[in-house]
Amino acid sequence: MKLKHLAMSAAVAAATWGTAGLVLGDDGGGEVSPIYGVKLPEGYRQWALIAPAQEATPLNELRAVVGNGLAMKAYQDSTLPFPDGTVLVKLAWKHVQSPEFEPASIPGAATTVQVMVKDSQRYASTGGWGFGRFINGKPADEAQHQTCFACHQARVQNHDWVFTRFAP
């Protein structure tokens, strides 16, 4: 029984750190964000939707937050803090009116893709989260990354520094 439990724990750990390793830049591909070393995770466009959002002026964006398997399980189980290996990706587009149906909004031009990676040891000074902000697939500059944690810390400290709530 102990051997079975140990094997299961090793499999979960391998899956967790394997996913985090891809995002943290350990596979040798893709550019990493300044400060945190986070990159766009492979295949994130196929991940499950956690929640949509609409940002008002001045950003005027439509957003969708997706998450890896650990993120989805944490949301479904209401687990806080999120476990290490959790990866959240926020895709954002300009909010535009549909030309076919005036009351509807549709995504316009892409603005950013933002990534949060949970690694409580590596990112201990930022609540356990590493951040990446990408524009046209390239990391934004260091000045933009310096604002990430301060914004989360000021507003969502009681939700493990994560804004997004699960949309059932």
C-alpha atoms as a PDB file:
ATOM      1  CA  MET A   1       0.000   0.000   0.000  1.00  0.00           C
ATOM      2  CA  LYS A   2       2.814   2.422   0.888  1.00  0.00           C
ATOM      3  CA  LEU A   3       4.580   1.620  -2.393  1.00  0.00           C
ATOM      4  CA  LYS A   4       1.404   2.374  -4.352  1.00  0.00           C
ATOM      5  CA  HIS A   5       0.989   5.702  -2.495  1.00  0.00           C
ATOM      6  CA  LEU A   6       4.649   6.582  -3.115  1.00  0.00           C
ATOM      7  CA  ALA A   7       4.334   5.783  -6.828  1.00  0.00           C
ATOM      8  CA  MET A   8       1.186   7.924  -7.086  1.00  0.00           C
ATOM      9  CA  SER A   9       2.891  10.816  -5.261  1.00  0.00           C
ATOM     10  CA  ALA A  10       5.885  10.592  -7.592  1.00  0.00           C
ATOM     11  CA  ALA A  11       3.621  10.647 -10.652  1.00  0.00           C
ATOM     12  CA  VAL A  12       1.759  13.723  -9.395  1.00  0.00           C
ATOM     13  CA  ALA A  13       5.019  15.482  -8.566  1.00  0.00           C
ATOM     14  CA  ALA A  14       6.467  14.685 -11.979  1.00  0.00           C
ATOM     15  CA  ALA A  15       3.363  16.009 -13.724  1.00  0.00           C
ATOM     16  CA  THR A  16       3.341  19.127 -11.559  1.00  0.00           C
ATOM     17  CA  TRP A  17       6.992  20.017 -11.979  1.00  0.00           C
ATOM     18  CA  GLY A  18       7.028  18.955 -15.611  1.00  0.00           C
ATOM     19  CA  THR A  19       4.304  21.496 -16.372  1.00  0.00           C
ATOM     20  CA  ALA A  20       5.976  24.179 -14.274  1.00  0.00           C
ATOM     21  CA  GLY A  21       9.334  23.439 -15.890  1.00  0.00           C
ATOM     22  CA  LEU A  22       7.931  24.097 -19.338  1.00  0.00           C
ATOM     23  CA  VAL A  23       6.609  27.456 -18.221  1.00  0.00           C
ATOM     24  CA  LEU A  24       9.714  28.439 -16.312  1.00  0.00           C
ATOM     25  CA  GLY A  25      11.878  28.102 -19.392  1.00  0.00           C
ATOM     26  CA  ASP A  26      13.547  24.801 -18.593  1.00  0.00           C
ATOM     27  CA  ASP A  27      12.839  23.219 -21.985  1.00  0.00           C
ATOM     28  CA  GLY A  28      15.071  25.619 -23.921  1.00  0.00           C
ATOM     29  CA  GLY A  29      12.369  27.146 -26.172  1.00  0.00           C
ATOM     30  CA  GLY A  30      10.635  30.522 -26.116  1.00  0.00           C
ATOM     31  CA  GLU A  31      11.552  33.815 -24.541  1.00  0.00           C
ATOM     32  CA  VAL A  32      11.222  34.319 -20.789  1.00  0.00           C
ATOM     33  CA  SER A  33       9.859  37.288 -18.887  1.00  0.00           C
ATOM     34  CA  PRO A  34      12.255  39.610 -17.107  1.00  0.00           C
ATOM     35  CA  ILE A  35      12.556  39.218 -13.319  1.00  0.00           C
ATOM     36  CA  TYR A  36      10.549  35.965 -13.108  1.00  0.00           C
ATOM     37  CA  GLY A  37      11.785  33.825 -16.014  1.00  0.00           C
ATOM     38  CA  VAL A  38       8.246  32.798 -17.009  1.00  0.00           C
ATOM     39  CA  LYS A  39       7.357  31.951 -20.594  1.00  0.00           C
ATOM     40  CA  LEU A  40       4.252  31.123 -22.559  1.00  0.00           C
ATOM     41  CA  PRO A  41       3.331  27.512 -21.813  1.00  0.00           C
ATOM     42  CA  GLU A  42       3.064  25.177 -24.761  1.00  0.00           C
ATOM     43  CA  GLY A  43      -0.519  24.316 -25.680  1.00  0.00           C
ATOM     44  CA  TYR A  44      -2.165  26.839 -23.362  1.00  0.00           C
ATOM     45  CA  ARG A  45      -4.779  27.717 -26.011  1.00  0.00           C
ATOM     46  CA  GLN A  46      -6.222  24.211 -25.518  1.00  0.00           C
ATOM     47  CA  TRP A  47      -6.524  24.543 -21.721  1.00  0.00           C
ATOM     48  CA  ALA A  48      -9.901  24.699 -19.979  1.00  0.00           C
ATOM     49  CA  LEU A  49     -11.631  28.026 -19.420  1.00  0.00           C
ATOM     50  CA  ILE A  50     -11.688  29.226 -15.818  1.00  0.00           C
ATOM     51  CA  ALA A  51     -13.588  32.451 -16.459  1.00  0.00           C
ATOM     52  CA  PRO A  52     -14.190  35.247 -18.949  1.00  0.00           C
ATOM     53  CA  ALA A  53     -13.965  38.904 -17.963  1.00  0.00           C
ATOM     54  CA  GLN A  54     -14.604  42.347 -19.367  1.00  0.00           C
ATOM     55  CA  GLU A  55     -12.313  45.236 -18.475  1.00  0.00           C
ATOM     56  CA  ALA A  56     -13.828  48.695 -18.579  1.00  0.00           C
ATOM     57  CA  THR A  57     -12.194  51.870 -19.846  1.00  0.00           C
ATOM     58  CA  PRO A  58      -9.332  52.672 -20.127  1.00  0.00           C
ATOM     59  CA  LEU A  59      -8.325  49.091 -21.024  1.00  0.00           C
ATOM     60  CA  ASN A  60     -11.595  48.241 -22.773  1.00  0.00           C
ATOM     61  CA  GLU A  61     -10.752  44.556 -23.134  1.00  0.00           C
ATOM     62  CA  LEU A  62     -12.395  41.161 -23.289  1.00  0.00           C
ATOM     63  CA  ARG A  63     -10.420  38.549 -21.396  1.00  0.00           C
ATOM     64  CA  ALA A  64     -10.385  34.800 -20.926  1.00  0.00           C
ATOM     65  CA  VAL A  65      -8.454  33.045 -18.183  1.00  0.00           C
ATOM     66  CA  VAL A  66      -7.462  29.427 -18.768  1.00  0.00           C
ATOM     67  CA  GLY A  67      -5.595  27.056 -16.498  1.00  0.00           C
ATOM     68  CA  ASN A  68      -3.601  23.858 -16.496  1.00  0.00           C
ATOM     69  CA  GLY A  69      -4.957  20.708 -14.842  1.00  0.00           C
ATOM     70  CA  LEU A  70      -3.733  21.686 -11.365  1.00  0.00           C
ATOM     71  CA  ALA A  71      -5.423  25.082 -11.649  1.00  0.00           C
ATOM     72  CA  MET A  72      -8.708  23.514 -12.715  1.00  0.00           C
ATOM     73  CA  LYS A  73      -8.644  21.006  -9.861  1.00  0.00           C
ATOM     74  CA  ALA A  74      -7.848  23.742  -7.326  1.00  0.00           C
ATOM     75  CA  TYR A  75     -10.735  25.871  -8.577  1.00  0.00           C
ATOM     76  CA  GLN A  76     -13.176  22.956  -8.644  1.00  0.00           C
ATOM     77  CA  ASP A  77     -12.144  21.882  -5.119  1.00  0.00           C
ATOM     78  CA  SER A  78     -11.989  25.495  -3.801  1.00  0.00           C
ATOM     79  CA  THR A  79      -8.356  24.910  -2.803  1.00  0.00           C
ATOM     80  CA  LEU A  80      -6.433  27.900  -1.469  1.00  0.00           C
ATOM     81  CA  PRO A  81      -3.606  28.485  -1.585  1.00  0.00           C
ATOM     82  CA  PHE A  82      -3.171  27.135  -5.091  1.00  0.00           C
ATOM     83  CA  PRO A  83      -0.716  24.214  -5.252  1.00  0.00           C
ATOM     84  CA  ASP A  84       2.767  24.589  -6.694  1.00  0.00           C
ATOM     85  CA  GLY A  85       2.701  23.878 -10.415  1.00  0.00           C
ATOM     86  CA  THR A  86      -0.554  25.810 -10.954  1.00  0.00           C
ATOM     87  CA  VAL A  87      -0.416  27.853 -14.164  1.00  0.00           C
ATOM     88  CA  LEU A  88      -2.956  30.514 -15.112  1.00  0.00           C
ATOM     89  CA  VAL A  89      -2.990  32.265 -18.485  1.00  0.00           C
ATOM     90  CA  LYS A  90      -5.031  35.383 -19.246  1.00  0.00           C
ATOM     91  CA  LEU A  91      -5.652  36.204 -22.900  1.00  0.00           C
ATOM     92  CA  ALA A  92      -6.847  39.741 -23.669  1.00  0.00           C
ATOM     93  CA  TRP A  93      -8.322  41.407 -26.743  1.00  0.00           C
ATOM     94  CA  LYS A  94      -9.722  44.837 -27.483  1.00  0.00           C
ATOM     95  CA  HIS A  95     -13.471  44.901 -26.872  1.00  0.00           C
ATOM     96  CA  VAL A  96     -15.337  45.713 -30.085  1.00  0.00           C
ATOM     97  CA  GLN A  97     -18.960  45.743 -31.195  1.00  0.00           C
ATOM     98  CA  SER A  98     -20.039  42.930 -33.482  1.00  0.00           C
ATOM     99  CA  PRO A  99     -20.701  44.141 -37.039  1.00  0.00           C
ATOM    100  CA  GLU A 100     -23.375  41.442 -37.445  1.00  0.00           C
ATOM    101  CA  PHE A 101     -25.273  41.914 -34.190  1.00  0.00           C
ATOM    102  CA  GLU A 102     -25.007  45.345 -32.531  1.00  0.00           C
ATOM    103  CA  PRO A 103     -25.745  44.294 -28.926  1.00  0.00           C
ATOM    104  CA  ALA A 104     -22.935  41.720 -29.030  1.00  0.00           C
ATOM    105  CA  SER A 105     -19.287  42.257 -28.169  1.00  0.00           C
ATOM    106  CA  ILE A 106     -16.513  40.340 -29.891  1.00  0.00           C
ATOM    107  CA  PRO A 107     -12.750  40.169 -29.496  1.00  0.00           C
ATOM    108  CA  GLY A 108     -10.816  42.657 -31.577  1.00  0.00           C
ATOM    109  CA  ALA A 109      -7.040  42.919 -31.771  1.00  0.00           C
ATOM    110  CA  ALA A 110      -5.068  40.871 -29.244  1.00  0.00           C
ATOM    111  CA  THR A 111      -3.434  43.009 -26.562  1.00  0.00           C
ATOM    112  CA  THR A 112      -1.570  40.755 -24.110  1.00  0.00           C
ATOM    113  CA  VAL A 113      -1.174  37.250 -22.806  1.00  0.00           C
ATOM    114  CA  GLN A 114      -0.346  37.173 -19.103  1.00  0.00           C
ATOM    115  CA  VAL A 115       0.925  34.124 -17.217  1.00  0.00           C
ATOM    116  CA  MET A 116       1.078  33.294 -13.507  1.00  0.00           C
ATOM    117  CA  VAL A 117       3.100  30.287 -12.303  1.00  0.00           C
ATOM    118  CA  LYS A 118       2.902  29.018  -8.719  1.00  0.00           C
ATOM    119  CA  ASP A 119       6.242  27.965  -7.221  1.00  0.00           C
ATOM    120  CA  SER A 120       6.264  28.842  -3.531  1.00  0.00           C
ATOM    121  CA  GLN A 121      10.017  28.405  -3.154  1.00  0.00           C
ATOM    122  CA  ARG A 122      11.280  30.096  -6.303  1.00  0.00           C
ATOM    123  CA  TYR A 123       8.852  33.021  -5.963  1.00  0.00           C
ATOM    124  CA  ALA A 124       8.654  33.261  -2.162  1.00  0.00           C
ATOM    125  CA  SER A 125       9.066  37.057  -2.212  1.00  0.00           C
ATOM    126  CA  THR A 126       6.035  37.488  -4.512  1.00  0.00           C
ATOM    127  CA  GLY A 127       3.493  35.336  -2.731  1.00  0.00           C
ATOM    128  CA  GLY A 128       4.716  32.185  -4.465  1.00  0.00           C
ATOM    129  CA  TRP A 129       3.822  33.464  -7.955  1.00  0.00           C
ATOM    130  CA  GLY A 130       5.974  34.222 -10.975  1.00  0.00           C
ATOM    131  CA  PHE A 131       4.563  36.505 -13.652  1.00  0.00           C
ATOM    132  CA  GLY A 132       4.930  36.889 -17.395  1.00  0.00           C
ATOM    133  CA  ARG A 133       3.343  39.474 -19.655  1.00  0.00           C
ATOM    134  CA  PHE A 134       3.648  38.954 -23.404  1.00  0.00           C
ATOM    135  CA  ILE A 135       2.773  41.185 -26.344  1.00  0.00           C
ATOM    136  CA  ASN A 136       2.766  39.529 -29.763  1.00  0.00           C
ATOM    137  CA  GLY A 137       4.486  36.523 -28.186  1.00  0.00           C
ATOM    138  CA  LYS A 138       7.395  38.573 -26.794  1.00  0.00           C
ATOM    139  CA  PRO A 139       7.912  39.390 -23.103  1.00  0.00           C
ATOM    140  CA  ALA A 140       7.020  42.947 -22.074  1.00  0.00           C
ATOM    141  CA  ASP A 141       9.809  45.043 -20.594  1.00  0.00           C
ATOM    142  CA  GLU A 142      11.078  44.823 -17.037  1.00  0.00           C
ATOM    143  CA  ALA A 143       9.245  47.983 -15.935  1.00  0.00           C
ATOM    144  CA  GLN A 144       5.888  46.359 -16.717  1.00  0.00           C
ATOM    145  CA  HIS A 145       6.857  43.208 -14.818  1.00  0.00           C
ATOM    146  CA  GLN A 146       7.829  45.254 -11.764  1.00  0.00           C
ATOM    147  CA  THR A 147       4.157  46.221 -11.334  1.00  0.00           C
ATOM    148  CA  CYS A 148       2.683  42.690 -11.385  1.00  0.00           C
ATOM    149  CA  PHE A 149       2.912  41.600  -7.777  1.00  0.00           C
ATOM    150  CA  ALA A 150       2.188  45.032  -6.293  1.00  0.00           C
ATOM    151  CA  CYS A 151      -1.144  45.135  -8.131  1.00  0.00           C
ATOM    152  CA  HIS A 152      -2.119  41.640  -6.962  1.00  0.00           C
ATOM    153  CA  GLN A 153      -0.878  42.282  -3.428  1.00  0.00           C
ATOM    154  CA  ALA A 154      -2.955  45.452  -3.089  1.00  0.00           C
ATOM    155  CA  ARG A 155      -6.206  43.845  -4.197  1.00  0.00           C
ATOM    156  CA  VAL A 156      -6.377  40.060  -3.767  1.00  0.00           C
ATOM    157  CA  GLN A 157      -4.129  39.046  -0.900  1.00  0.00           C
ATOM    158  CA  ASN A 158      -6.930  36.970   0.626  1.00  0.00           C
ATOM    159  CA  HIS A 159      -7.366  34.885  -2.544  1.00  0.00           C
ATOM    160  CA  ASP A 160      -3.719  33.764  -2.908  1.00  0.00           C
ATOM    161  CA  TRP A 161      -2.998  36.882  -4.991  1.00  0.00           C
ATOM    162  CA  VAL A 162      -5.305  35.713  -7.822  1.00  0.00           C
ATOM    163  CA  PHE A 163      -8.070  37.951  -9.225  1.00  0.00           C
ATOM    164  CA  THR A 164      -9.928  35.309 -11.218  1.00  0.00           C
ATOM    165  CA  ARG A 165     -12.836  33.426  -9.696  1.00  0.00           C
ATOM    166  CA  PHE A 166     -14.154  30.238 -11.258  1.00  0.00           C
ATOM    167  CA  ALA A 167     -17.161  30.666 -13.558  1.00  0.00           C
ATOM    168  CA  PRO A 168     -19.370  27.638 -12.936  1.00  0.00           C
END
